[in-house]
Amino acid sequence: MSETTIALVTGANKGIGYEIAAGLGALGWSVGVGARSAEARDAAVAKLRAGGADAFAVPLDVTDDASVTAAAALFSARYGRLDVLVNNAGITGGMAQMPTTVDLDVIRAVVETNVLGVVRVTNAMLPLLHRSAAPRIVNMSSGVGSLTKQSRLTAETGPIGAAYPTSKTFLNAITVQYAKELAETPIRINAACPGYCATDLNGFRGTRTPAQGAAIAVHLATLPGDGPSGRFFDDDGEVPW
């Protein structure tokens, strides 16, 4: 069995996810490009391979049990393990999301992808991660998920949102719970804030590039065995929950 590090990045066909896959591929890792769209997924894999990365396609819809089970089976059959999981797939739910008027179906859809999707994929991949010598999980969060920052009502924390920001707060909270349960294992799990990156999620209004946003995920994916777990980081260090 190859000793090459094996990684899976969800939502890796574009934006920050693509750049995370590229960053891990540049380390010489074998990287699974998880995405729903076959056309976008295959195009991303082709581009990554053209750049020298060992990338392969992983059909994956994080909201679908059968799709996630099939993805886990793919890694099991091909490698027998998974070393790094980056839960990057996410949606904003669109605007507006004022809590007094928000459509509850919008909240449900956002949580289904941004939180339940992470749980679904993580739990399906955990048996494979437990077979790794240095398993790492990175959950892509956002600075708007920091309850400490959001509770400073005068702070610049983006527009009011009852779905997207709160889903990232939820994701941060569940990251901590995973870290507590897995504390006696080699698994290191942390949340990452990529900063305000220009992607289609925000109409490309961000002030950072997707490659810049991907850097923190690559860093957390390569933590040493005594590295932190159950924490929240951006490029400048630890972010308050």
C-alpha atoms as a PDB file:
ATOM      1  CA  MET A   1       0.000   0.000   0.000  1.00  0.00           C
ATOM      2  CA  SER A   2       1.295   3.419  -0.937  1.00  0.00           C
ATOM      3  CA  GLU A   3       2.498   5.668   1.855  1.00  0.00           C
ATOM      4  CA  THR A   4       1.407   8.757  -0.037  1.00  0.00           C
ATOM      5  CA  THR A   5      -0.848  10.936   2.091  1.00  0.00           C
ATOM      6  CA  ILE A   6      -4.460  10.534   0.979  1.00  0.00           C
ATOM      7  CA  ALA A   7      -6.847  13.480   1.275  1.00  0.00           C
ATOM      8  CA  LEU A   8     -10.441  14.330   0.459  1.00  0.00           C
ATOM      9  CA  VAL A   9     -11.638  17.894  -0.055  1.00  0.00           C
ATOM     10  CA  THR A  10     -15.382  18.402  -0.359  1.00  0.00           C
ATOM     11  CA  GLY A  11     -16.669  21.135  -2.653  1.00  0.00           C
ATOM     12  CA  ALA A  12     -13.286  21.101  -4.370  1.00  0.00           C
ATOM     13  CA  ASN A  13     -14.358  21.862  -7.914  1.00  0.00           C
ATOM     14  CA  LYS A  14     -13.970  25.646  -7.525  1.00  0.00           C
ATOM     15  CA  GLY A  15     -13.024  28.542  -5.264  1.00  0.00           C
ATOM     16  CA  ILE A  16     -11.345  27.899  -1.943  1.00  0.00           C
ATOM     17  CA  GLY A  17     -11.967  24.168  -2.150  1.00  0.00           C
ATOM     18  CA  TYR A  18     -10.141  23.928  -5.449  1.00  0.00           C
ATOM     19  CA  GLU A  19      -7.211  25.894  -4.047  1.00  0.00           C
ATOM     20  CA  ILE A  20      -7.077  23.648  -0.979  1.00  0.00           C
ATOM     21  CA  ALA A  21      -6.885  20.630  -3.279  1.00  0.00           C
ATOM     22  CA  ALA A  22      -4.153  22.367  -5.272  1.00  0.00           C
ATOM     23  CA  GLY A  23      -2.218  23.201  -2.111  1.00  0.00           C
ATOM     24  CA  LEU A  24      -2.376  19.636  -0.827  1.00  0.00           C
ATOM     25  CA  GLY A  25      -1.518  18.298  -4.251  1.00  0.00           C
ATOM     26  CA  ALA A  26       1.575  20.516  -4.308  1.00  0.00           C
ATOM     27  CA  LEU A  27       2.765  18.617  -1.224  1.00  0.00           C
ATOM     28  CA  GLY A  28       2.802  15.442  -3.265  1.00  0.00           C
ATOM     29  CA  TRP A  29      -0.416  14.130  -1.764  1.00  0.00           C
ATOM     30  CA  SER A  30      -3.101  12.178  -3.574  1.00  0.00           C
ATOM     31  CA  VAL A  31      -6.197  14.372  -3.408  1.00  0.00           C
ATOM     32  CA  GLY A  32      -9.819  13.404  -3.944  1.00  0.00           C
ATOM     33  CA  VAL A  33     -11.847  16.201  -5.500  1.00  0.00           C
ATOM     34  CA  GLY A  34     -15.314  15.874  -4.022  1.00  0.00           C
ATOM     35  CA  ALA A  35     -18.148  17.605  -5.850  1.00  0.00           C
ATOM     36  CA  ARG A  36     -21.716  17.047  -7.033  1.00  0.00           C
ATOM     37  CA  SER A  37     -21.375  18.197 -10.640  1.00  0.00           C
ATOM     38  CA  ALA A  38     -19.605  15.603 -12.791  1.00  0.00           C
ATOM     39  CA  GLU A  39     -18.672  18.219 -15.391  1.00  0.00           C
ATOM     40  CA  ALA A  40     -17.210  20.684 -12.873  1.00  0.00           C
ATOM     41  CA  ARG A  41     -15.534  17.895 -10.906  1.00  0.00           C
ATOM     42  CA  ASP A  42     -13.840  16.412 -13.966  1.00  0.00           C
ATOM     43  CA  ALA A  43     -12.721  19.841 -15.168  1.00  0.00           C
ATOM     44  CA  ALA A  44     -11.150  20.577 -11.776  1.00  0.00           C
ATOM     45  CA  VAL A  45      -9.364  17.218 -11.738  1.00  0.00           C
ATOM     46  CA  ALA A  46      -8.030  17.779 -15.244  1.00  0.00           C
ATOM     47  CA  LYS A  47      -6.744  21.234 -14.293  1.00  0.00           C
ATOM     48  CA  LEU A  48      -5.112  19.932 -11.119  1.00  0.00           C
ATOM     49  CA  ARG A  49      -3.442  17.091 -12.983  1.00  0.00           C
ATOM     50  CA  ALA A  50      -2.202  19.499 -15.636  1.00  0.00           C
ATOM     51  CA  GLY A  51      -0.549  21.407 -12.792  1.00  0.00           C
ATOM     52  CA  GLY A  52       1.210  18.270 -11.578  1.00  0.00           C
ATOM     53  CA  ALA A  53      -1.150  17.220  -8.776  1.00  0.00           C
ATOM     54  CA  ASP A  54      -2.178  13.617  -8.172  1.00  0.00           C
ATOM     55  CA  ALA A  55      -5.904  14.383  -8.180  1.00  0.00           C
ATOM     56  CA  PHE A  56      -8.867  12.097  -8.708  1.00  0.00           C
ATOM     57  CA  ALA A  57     -12.614  12.572  -8.917  1.00  0.00           C
ATOM     58  CA  VAL A  58     -14.938  11.716  -6.027  1.00  0.00           C
ATOM     59  CA  PRO A  59     -18.650  11.970  -6.838  1.00  0.00           C
ATOM     60  CA  LEU A  60     -20.034  13.498  -3.662  1.00  0.00           C
ATOM     61  CA  ASP A  61     -23.181  15.255  -2.537  1.00  0.00           C
ATOM     62  CA  VAL A  62     -22.739  15.937   1.176  1.00  0.00           C
ATOM     63  CA  THR A  63     -26.508  16.137   1.676  1.00  0.00           C
ATOM     64  CA  ASP A  64     -27.131  12.622   0.345  1.00  0.00           C
ATOM     65  CA  ASP A  65     -26.513   9.532   2.481  1.00  0.00           C
ATOM     66  CA  ALA A  66     -26.023   7.177  -0.462  1.00  0.00           C
ATOM     67  CA  SER A  67     -23.558   9.526  -2.166  1.00  0.00           C
ATOM     68  CA  VAL A  68     -21.474   9.876   0.995  1.00  0.00           C
ATOM     69  CA  THR A  69     -21.515   6.120   1.616  1.00  0.00           C
ATOM     70  CA  ALA A  70     -20.342   5.530  -1.957  1.00  0.00           C
ATOM     71  CA  ALA A  71     -17.509   8.040  -1.528  1.00  0.00           C
ATOM     72  CA  ALA A  72     -16.318   6.262   1.616  1.00  0.00           C
ATOM     73  CA  ALA A  73     -16.451   2.950  -0.242  1.00  0.00           C
ATOM     74  CA  LEU A  74     -14.305   4.441  -3.018  1.00  0.00           C
ATOM     75  CA  PHE A  75     -11.548   5.372  -0.559  1.00  0.00           C
ATOM     76  CA  SER A  76     -11.834   2.038   1.217  1.00  0.00           C
ATOM     77  CA  ALA A  77     -11.453   0.074  -2.014  1.00  0.00           C
ATOM     78  CA  ARG A  78      -8.680   2.217  -3.468  1.00  0.00           C
ATOM     79  CA  TYR A  79      -6.574   3.025  -0.411  1.00  0.00           C
ATOM     80  CA  GLY A  80      -7.990   1.315   2.652  1.00  0.00           C
ATOM     81  CA  ARG A  81      -7.666   4.536   4.622  1.00  0.00           C
ATOM     82  CA  LEU A  82      -8.001   8.317   4.582  1.00  0.00           C
ATOM     83  CA  ASP A  83      -5.398  10.613   6.102  1.00  0.00           C
ATOM     84  CA  VAL A  84      -6.947  14.052   5.771  1.00  0.00           C
ATOM     85  CA  LEU A  85     -10.531  15.225   5.399  1.00  0.00           C
ATOM     86  CA  VAL A  86     -11.265  18.854   4.574  1.00  0.00           C
ATOM     87  CA  ASN A  87     -14.959  19.646   4.951  1.00  0.00           C
ATOM     88  CA  ASN A  88     -15.196  22.622   2.633  1.00  0.00           C
ATOM     89  CA  ALA A  89     -18.547  22.267   0.824  1.00  0.00           C
ATOM     90  CA  GLY A  90     -20.945  25.009   1.844  1.00  0.00           C
ATOM     91  CA  ILE A  91     -23.732  27.319   0.722  1.00  0.00           C
ATOM     92  CA  THR A  92     -24.871  30.767   1.857  1.00  0.00           C
ATOM     93  CA  GLY A  93     -28.589  30.336   1.308  1.00  0.00           C
ATOM     94  CA  GLY A  94     -28.783  33.686  -0.446  1.00  0.00           C
ATOM     95  CA  MET A  95     -30.113  36.911   0.965  1.00  0.00           C
ATOM     96  CA  ALA A  96     -31.963  38.309   2.798  1.00  0.00           C
ATOM     97  CA  GLN A  97     -31.717  36.400   6.040  1.00  0.00           C
ATOM     98  CA  MET A  98     -33.171  38.784   8.610  1.00  0.00           C
ATOM     99  CA  PRO A  99     -34.175  36.580  11.554  1.00  0.00           C
ATOM    100  CA  THR A 100     -37.637  38.136  11.819  1.00  0.00           C
ATOM    101  CA  THR A 101     -38.541  37.347   8.205  1.00  0.00           C
ATOM    102  CA  VAL A 102     -36.271  34.509   7.088  1.00  0.00           C
ATOM    103  CA  ASP A 103     -37.805  31.536   5.322  1.00  0.00           C
ATOM    104  CA  LEU A 104     -37.272  28.536   7.589  1.00  0.00           C
ATOM    105  CA  ASP A 105     -36.579  26.393   4.539  1.00  0.00           C
ATOM    106  CA  VAL A 106     -33.531  28.562   3.847  1.00  0.00           C
ATOM    107  CA  ILE A 107     -32.151  27.840   7.315  1.00  0.00           C
ATOM    108  CA  ARG A 108     -32.865  24.134   6.872  1.00  0.00           C
ATOM    109  CA  ALA A 109     -31.071  24.007   3.527  1.00  0.00           C
ATOM    110  CA  VAL A 110     -28.012  25.865   4.818  1.00  0.00           C
ATOM    111  CA  VAL A 111     -27.716  23.744   7.947  1.00  0.00           C
ATOM    112  CA  GLU A 112     -28.221  20.573   5.896  1.00  0.00           C
ATOM    113  CA  THR A 113     -25.130  21.376   3.830  1.00  0.00           C
ATOM    114  CA  ASN A 114     -22.930  23.389   6.177  1.00  0.00           C
ATOM    115  CA  VAL A 115     -23.458  21.349   9.349  1.00  0.00           C
ATOM    116  CA  LEU A 116     -25.264  18.078   8.760  1.00  0.00           C
ATOM    117  CA  GLY A 117     -23.234  17.534   5.603  1.00  0.00           C
ATOM    118  CA  VAL A 118     -20.054  17.842   7.642  1.00  0.00           C
ATOM    119  CA  VAL A 119     -21.338  15.371  10.217  1.00  0.00           C
ATOM    120  CA  ARG A 120     -22.506  12.981   7.503  1.00  0.00           C
ATOM    121  CA  VAL A 121     -19.165  12.984   5.669  1.00  0.00           C
ATOM    122  CA  THR A 122     -17.040  12.954   8.810  1.00  0.00           C
ATOM    123  CA  ASN A 123     -18.841  10.001  10.329  1.00  0.00           C
ATOM    124  CA  ALA A 124     -18.690   8.041   7.079  1.00  0.00           C
ATOM    125  CA  MET A 125     -14.949   8.670   6.781  1.00  0.00           C
ATOM    126  CA  LEU A 126     -14.033   8.121  10.440  1.00  0.00           C
ATOM    127  CA  PRO A 127     -13.373   4.367  10.087  1.00  0.00           C
ATOM    128  CA  LEU A 128     -10.900   5.191   7.303  1.00  0.00           C
ATOM    129  CA  LEU A 129      -9.344   8.047   9.271  1.00  0.00           C
ATOM    130  CA  HIS A 130      -8.816   5.728  12.224  1.00  0.00           C
ATOM    131  CA  ARG A 131      -6.590   3.604   9.944  1.00  0.00           C
ATOM    132  CA  SER A 132      -4.273   6.563   9.320  1.00  0.00           C
ATOM    133  CA  ALA A 133      -1.089   7.172  11.287  1.00  0.00           C
ATOM    134  CA  ALA A 134      -1.728  10.924  11.353  1.00  0.00           C
ATOM    135  CA  PRO A 135      -5.400  11.678  10.692  1.00  0.00           C
ATOM    136  CA  ARG A 136      -6.504  15.291  10.338  1.00  0.00           C
ATOM    137  CA  ILE A 137      -9.918  16.899   9.872  1.00  0.00           C
ATOM    138  CA  VAL A 138     -10.339  20.532   8.852  1.00  0.00           C
ATOM    139  CA  ASN A 139     -13.786  22.133   8.937  1.00  0.00           C
ATOM    140  CA  MET A 140     -13.984  25.254   6.816  1.00  0.00           C
ATOM    141  CA  SER A 141     -15.804  27.834   8.898  1.00  0.00           C
ATOM    142  CA  SER A 142     -15.895  31.635   8.711  1.00  0.00           C
ATOM    143  CA  GLY A 143     -15.150  34.613  10.877  1.00  0.00           C
ATOM    144  CA  VAL A 144     -18.878  35.372  10.843  1.00  0.00           C
ATOM    145  CA  GLY A 145     -19.345  32.153  12.797  1.00  0.00           C
ATOM    146  CA  SER A 146     -17.524  33.595  15.797  1.00  0.00           C
ATOM    147  CA  LEU A 147     -20.181  34.222  18.427  1.00  0.00           C
ATOM    148  CA  THR A 148     -17.711  36.404  20.303  1.00  0.00           C
ATOM    149  CA  LYS A 149     -17.368  38.701  17.301  1.00  0.00           C
ATOM    150  CA  GLN A 150     -21.064  38.614  16.423  1.00  0.00           C
ATOM    151  CA  SER A 151     -22.049  39.575  19.951  1.00  0.00           C
ATOM    152  CA  ARG A 152     -20.097  42.814  19.623  1.00  0.00           C
ATOM    153  CA  LEU A 153     -22.962  44.536  17.881  1.00  0.00           C
ATOM    154  CA  THR A 154     -20.783  47.343  16.566  1.00  0.00           C
ATOM    155  CA  ALA A 155     -18.166  45.005  15.097  1.00  0.00           C
ATOM    156  CA  GLU A 156     -17.845  44.507  11.363  1.00  0.00           C
ATOM    157  CA  THR A 157     -19.208  40.979  11.052  1.00  0.00           C
ATOM    158  CA  GLY A 158     -21.008  41.208   7.748  1.00  0.00           C
ATOM    159  CA  PRO A 159     -24.732  41.536   7.091  1.00  0.00           C
ATOM    160  CA  ILE A 160     -27.304  40.170   9.509  1.00  0.00           C
ATOM    161  CA  GLY A 161     -27.910  36.542   8.659  1.00  0.00           C
ATOM    162  CA  ALA A 162     -30.118  33.954  10.314  1.00  0.00           C
ATOM    163  CA  ALA A 163     -28.817  31.107   8.153  1.00  0.00           C
ATOM    164  CA  TYR A 164     -25.208  31.326   6.965  1.00  0.00           C
ATOM    165  CA  PRO A 165     -23.477  32.930   9.992  1.00  0.00           C
ATOM    166  CA  THR A 166     -25.418  30.800  12.446  1.00  0.00           C
ATOM    167  CA  SER A 167     -24.618  27.649  10.486  1.00  0.00           C
ATOM    168  CA  LYS A 168     -20.919  28.432  10.897  1.00  0.00           C
ATOM    169  CA  THR A 169     -21.408  29.002  14.635  1.00  0.00           C
ATOM    170  CA  PHE A 170     -23.130  25.604  14.735  1.00  0.00           C
ATOM    171  CA  LEU A 171     -20.228  24.095  12.791  1.00  0.00           C
ATOM    172  CA  ASN A 172     -17.725  25.576  15.235  1.00  0.00           C
ATOM    173  CA  ALA A 173     -19.650  24.118  18.172  1.00  0.00           C
ATOM    174  CA  ILE A 174     -19.813  20.648  16.681  1.00  0.00           C
ATOM    175  CA  THR A 175     -16.093  20.789  15.866  1.00  0.00           C
ATOM    176  CA  VAL A 176     -15.444  21.183  19.591  1.00  0.00           C
ATOM    177  CA  GLN A 177     -17.671  18.211  20.397  1.00  0.00           C
ATOM    178  CA  TYR A 178     -15.802  16.010  17.915  1.00  0.00           C
ATOM    179  CA  ALA A 179     -12.501  17.096  19.435  1.00  0.00           C
ATOM    180  CA  LYS A 180     -13.735  16.136  22.896  1.00  0.00           C
ATOM    181  CA  GLU A 181     -14.940  12.713  21.782  1.00  0.00           C
ATOM    182  CA  LEU A 182     -11.783  12.011  19.767  1.00  0.00           C
ATOM    183  CA  ALA A 183      -9.357  13.433  22.318  1.00  0.00           C
ATOM    184  CA  GLU A 184      -7.787  10.044  23.075  1.00  0.00           C
ATOM    185  CA  THR A 185      -7.164   9.292  19.388  1.00  0.00           C
ATOM    186  CA  PRO A 186      -4.522  10.652  16.985  1.00  0.00           C
ATOM    187  CA  ILE A 187      -7.173  12.632  15.120  1.00  0.00           C
ATOM    188  CA  ARG A 188      -6.707  16.403  15.178  1.00  0.00           C
ATOM    189  CA  ILE A 189      -9.839  18.323  14.189  1.00  0.00           C
ATOM    190  CA  ASN A 190     -10.030  22.087  13.896  1.00  0.00           C
ATOM    191  CA  ALA A 191     -12.093  24.841  12.300  1.00  0.00           C
ATOM    192  CA  ALA A 192     -10.543  27.215   9.781  1.00  0.00           C
ATOM    193  CA  CYS A 193     -11.417  30.778   8.844  1.00  0.00           C
ATOM    194  CA  PRO A 194     -10.254  31.581   5.278  1.00  0.00           C
ATOM    195  CA  GLY A 195     -11.078  35.279   5.522  1.00  0.00           C
ATOM    196  CA  TYR A 196     -13.225  37.270   3.124  1.00  0.00           C
ATOM    197  CA  CYS A 197     -12.266  35.687  -0.176  1.00  0.00           C
ATOM    198  CA  ALA A 198     -13.556  36.572  -3.614  1.00  0.00           C
ATOM    199  CA  THR A 199     -15.703  33.590  -4.608  1.00  0.00           C
ATOM    200  CA  ASP A 200     -19.078  33.061  -6.216  1.00  0.00           C
ATOM    201  CA  LEU A 201     -20.590  32.703  -2.736  1.00  0.00           C
ATOM    202  CA  ASN A 202     -20.223  36.450  -2.245  1.00  0.00           C
ATOM    203  CA  GLY A 203     -20.399  37.609  -5.843  1.00  0.00           C
ATOM    204  CA  PHE A 204     -16.587  37.839  -5.906  1.00  0.00           C
ATOM    205  CA  ARG A 205     -16.670  40.848  -3.590  1.00  0.00           C
ATOM    206  CA  GLY A 206     -14.078  39.430  -1.202  1.00  0.00           C
ATOM    207  CA  THR A 207     -10.756  41.113  -0.594  1.00  0.00           C
ATOM    208  CA  ARG A 208      -8.648  37.929  -0.489  1.00  0.00           C
ATOM    209  CA  THR A 209      -7.959  35.379  -3.181  1.00  0.00           C
ATOM    210  CA  PRO A 210      -9.171  31.780  -2.866  1.00  0.00           C
ATOM    211  CA  ALA A 211      -5.530  30.697  -2.733  1.00  0.00           C
ATOM    212  CA  GLN A 212      -4.957  32.954   0.257  1.00  0.00           C
ATOM    213  CA  GLY A 213      -8.056  31.531   1.905  1.00  0.00           C
ATOM    214  CA  ALA A 214      -6.859  27.990   1.323  1.00  0.00           C
ATOM    215  CA  ALA A 215      -3.569  28.494   3.183  1.00  0.00           C
ATOM    216  CA  ILE A 216      -5.030  28.011   6.666  1.00  0.00           C
ATOM    217  CA  ALA A 217      -6.644  24.725   5.643  1.00  0.00           C
ATOM    218  CA  VAL A 218      -3.363  23.416   4.280  1.00  0.00           C
ATOM    219  CA  HIS A 219      -1.660  24.454   7.511  1.00  0.00           C
ATOM    220  CA  LEU A 220      -4.204  22.658   9.699  1.00  0.00           C
ATOM    221  CA  ALA A 221      -4.108  19.596   7.451  1.00  0.00           C
ATOM    222  CA  THR A 222      -0.383  19.282   8.108  1.00  0.00           C
ATOM    223  CA  LEU A 223      -0.353  19.763  11.886  1.00  0.00           C
ATOM    224  CA  PRO A 224       2.106  17.648  13.865  1.00  0.00           C
ATOM    225  CA  GLY A 225       0.882  14.916  16.165  1.00  0.00           C
ATOM    226  CA  ASP A 226       1.028  17.205  19.190  1.00  0.00           C
ATOM    227  CA  GLY A 227      -0.829  19.981  17.397  1.00  0.00           C
ATOM    228  CA  PRO A 228      -4.021  21.569  18.690  1.00  0.00           C
ATOM    229  CA  SER A 229      -7.469  20.084  18.343  1.00  0.00           C
ATOM    230  CA  GLY A 230     -10.903  21.586  18.865  1.00  0.00           C
ATOM    231  CA  ARG A 231      -9.742  25.106  18.031  1.00  0.00           C
ATOM    232  CA  PHE A 232     -10.528  27.824  15.492  1.00  0.00           C
ATOM    233  CA  PHE A 233      -7.778  29.450  13.425  1.00  0.00           C
ATOM    234  CA  ASP A 234      -7.113  31.965  10.695  1.00  0.00           C
ATOM    235  CA  ASP A 235      -3.809  33.134   9.201  1.00  0.00           C
ATOM    236  CA  ASP A 236      -3.122  35.331  12.231  1.00  0.00           C
ATOM    237  CA  GLY A 237      -3.653  32.630  14.843  1.00  0.00           C
ATOM    238  CA  GLU A 238      -6.500  31.514  17.035  1.00  0.00           C
ATOM    239  CA  VAL A 239      -9.944  33.024  16.498  1.00  0.00           C
ATOM    240  CA  PRO A 240     -12.299  33.399  19.484  1.00  0.00           C
ATOM    241  CA  TRP A 241     -15.317  31.139  19.325  1.00  0.00           C
END
